[in-house]
Amino acid sequence: MYDIADRFNHSSTAQYFISYKRPKLVIGTYMFQVELIGQFITSMHASAEGHMCYIFCRVSIPRGVDVTCVPCDALFLEAWETCKYGGINAVHNHVAARSAKLIQEKPLREPKQPDRLGFN
């Protein structure tokens, strides 16, 4: 985790960090240069076990870095623009809308009927 913190702190592009580790560990122990901007409870599908997810924002940008001209893969361009210009509320709305769309598009599973005679 220390290596990840070092890479994040020296990165020219990383602006947000998402973790399931408590803020005290992320900031105090691992020395990420971030501040907590949000948190929410998550759970795995069909599991009663929940986990707290923490969203952090970078507090300093490495010297000489202009994050407005960082190239972005076309696949992530819409999300990148949302992060860059809209702030955390826009990111939240973007993720909620994309999640709802993906859930609606997911085809229903059709169970395979058991082959009791052994023909399949």
Protein backbone atom coordinates (compact mmCIF):
# COMPACT_ATOMS: atom_id res chain seq x y z
CA MET A 1 0.00 0.00 0.00
CA TYR A 2 2.94 2.32 0.64
CA ASP A 3 4.04 1.87 -2.98
CA ILE A 4 0.55 2.74 -4.23
CA ALA A 5 0.54 5.87 -2.06
CA ASP A 6 3.93 6.92 -3.41
CA ARG A 7 2.80 6.42 -7.00
CA PHE A 8 -0.46 8.29 -6.37
CA ASN A 9 1.30 11.21 -4.69
CA HIS A 10 3.75 11.56 -7.60
CA SER A 11 1.20 10.91 -10.35
CA SER A 12 0.50 13.69 -12.83
CA THR A 13 -3.01 12.44 -13.58
CA ALA A 14 -4.54 10.87 -10.44
CA GLN A 15 -7.07 13.20 -8.84
CA TYR A 16 -9.30 10.79 -6.88
CA PHE A 17 -8.60 7.72 -4.81
CA ILE A 18 -11.25 5.17 -3.83
CA SER A 19 -10.57 2.71 -1.04
CA TYR A 20 -12.22 0.40 1.45
CA LYS A 21 -9.57 1.28 4.03
CA ARG A 22 -10.43 3.81 6.73
CA PRO A 23 -9.35 7.44 6.25
CA LYS A 24 -7.09 7.20 9.31
CA LEU A 25 -5.08 4.45 7.58
CA VAL A 26 -5.11 6.04 4.12
CA ILE A 27 -4.00 9.48 5.30
CA GLY A 28 -2.21 8.79 8.58
CA THR A 29 -0.47 5.47 8.02
CA TYR A 30 0.00 5.22 4.23
CA MET A 31 0.53 8.99 3.78
CA PHE A 32 -1.74 9.56 0.77
CA GLN A 33 -1.98 13.31 0.04
CA VAL A 34 -5.78 13.28 -0.03
CA GLU A 35 -8.85 14.41 1.86
CA LEU A 36 -12.09 12.49 2.38
CA ILE A 37 -14.91 13.84 0.21
CA GLY A 38 -17.51 11.07 0.46
CA GLN A 39 -18.37 7.62 1.70
CA PHE A 40 -21.10 5.06 1.18
CA ILE A 41 -21.93 1.49 2.09
CA THR A 42 -21.48 -1.20 -0.55
CA SER A 43 -22.30 -4.89 -0.66
CA MET A 44 -21.72 -7.77 -3.01
CA HIS A 45 -24.69 -9.04 -4.99
CA ALA A 46 -26.70 -11.53 -2.91
CA SER A 47 -24.52 -10.96 0.16
CA ALA A 48 -25.59 -9.50 3.48
CA GLU A 49 -22.03 -8.38 4.24
CA GLY A 50 -21.50 -4.65 3.76
CA HIS A 51 -18.34 -2.59 3.37
CA MET A 52 -17.75 1.15 3.66
CA CYS A 53 -16.30 2.70 0.50
CA TYR A 54 -14.37 5.95 0.92
CA ILE A 55 -13.78 8.53 -1.83
CA PHE A 56 -10.77 10.80 -1.48
CA CYS A 57 -9.64 13.81 -3.51
CA ARG A 58 -6.02 14.85 -4.02
CA VAL A 59 -5.03 17.86 -1.92
CA SER A 60 -1.97 18.85 -3.93
CA ILE A 61 -0.86 18.57 -7.54
CA PRO A 62 2.79 17.75 -8.30
CA ARG A 63 4.74 20.83 -9.43
CA GLY A 64 4.80 21.60 -13.13
CA VAL A 65 1.77 19.47 -13.97
CA ASP A 66 -1.13 20.79 -16.03
CA VAL A 67 -3.93 18.27 -15.49
CA THR A 68 -6.20 19.96 -18.04
CA CYS A 69 -4.14 18.58 -20.95
CA VAL A 70 -3.81 14.97 -19.79
CA PRO A 71 -4.74 12.58 -22.63
CA CYS A 72 -7.66 10.28 -22.00
CA ASP A 73 -8.81 7.02 -23.61
CA ALA A 74 -12.03 7.53 -25.58
CA LEU A 75 -13.73 4.83 -23.49
CA PHE A 76 -13.32 6.97 -20.35
CA LEU A 77 -13.63 10.43 -21.92
CA GLU A 78 -17.20 11.12 -20.73
CA ALA A 79 -16.32 10.13 -17.15
CA TRP A 80 -13.07 12.16 -17.32
CA GLU A 81 -14.92 15.29 -18.47
CA THR A 82 -17.46 14.81 -15.68
CA CYS A 83 -14.69 14.54 -13.07
CA LYS A 84 -12.73 17.46 -14.45
CA TYR A 85 -15.55 19.98 -14.78
CA GLY A 86 -18.50 18.81 -12.71
CA GLY A 87 -17.17 18.02 -9.25
CA ILE A 88 -18.20 15.19 -6.97
CA ASN A 89 -21.98 15.68 -7.36
CA ALA A 90 -21.70 15.39 -11.14
CA VAL A 91 -19.56 12.25 -10.74
CA HIS A 92 -22.16 10.75 -8.39
CA ASN A 93 -24.98 11.50 -10.87
CA HIS A 94 -22.94 10.13 -13.78
CA VAL A 95 -22.19 6.86 -11.98
CA ALA A 96 -25.81 6.46 -10.85
CA ALA A 97 -27.12 7.03 -14.39
CA ARG A 98 -24.59 4.64 -15.98
CA SER A 99 -25.29 1.97 -13.35
CA ALA A 100 -29.05 2.22 -13.88
CA LYS A 101 -28.56 1.96 -17.65
CA LEU A 102 -26.32 -1.11 -17.34
CA ILE A 103 -28.75 -2.80 -14.96
CA GLN A 104 -31.64 -2.24 -17.39
CA GLU A 105 -29.61 -3.58 -20.34
CA LYS A 106 -28.51 -6.75 -18.56
CA PRO A 107 -30.30 -9.74 -20.09
CA LEU A 108 -32.14 -12.08 -17.78
CA ARG A 109 -30.56 -15.48 -17.27
CA GLU A 110 -32.52 -18.38 -18.62
CA PRO A 111 -31.91 -21.49 -16.57
CA LYS A 112 -30.95 -24.60 -18.49
CA GLN A 113 -33.41 -27.42 -18.01
CA PRO A 114 -31.84 -30.55 -16.51
CA ASP A 115 -31.19 -33.35 -18.94
CA ARG A 116 -32.48 -36.35 -17.04
CA LEU A 117 -31.95 -38.77 -19.94
CA GLY A 118 -28.32 -37.81 -20.66
CA PHE A 119 -28.79 -36.61 -24.27
CA ASN A 120 -27.01 -33.24 -23.83
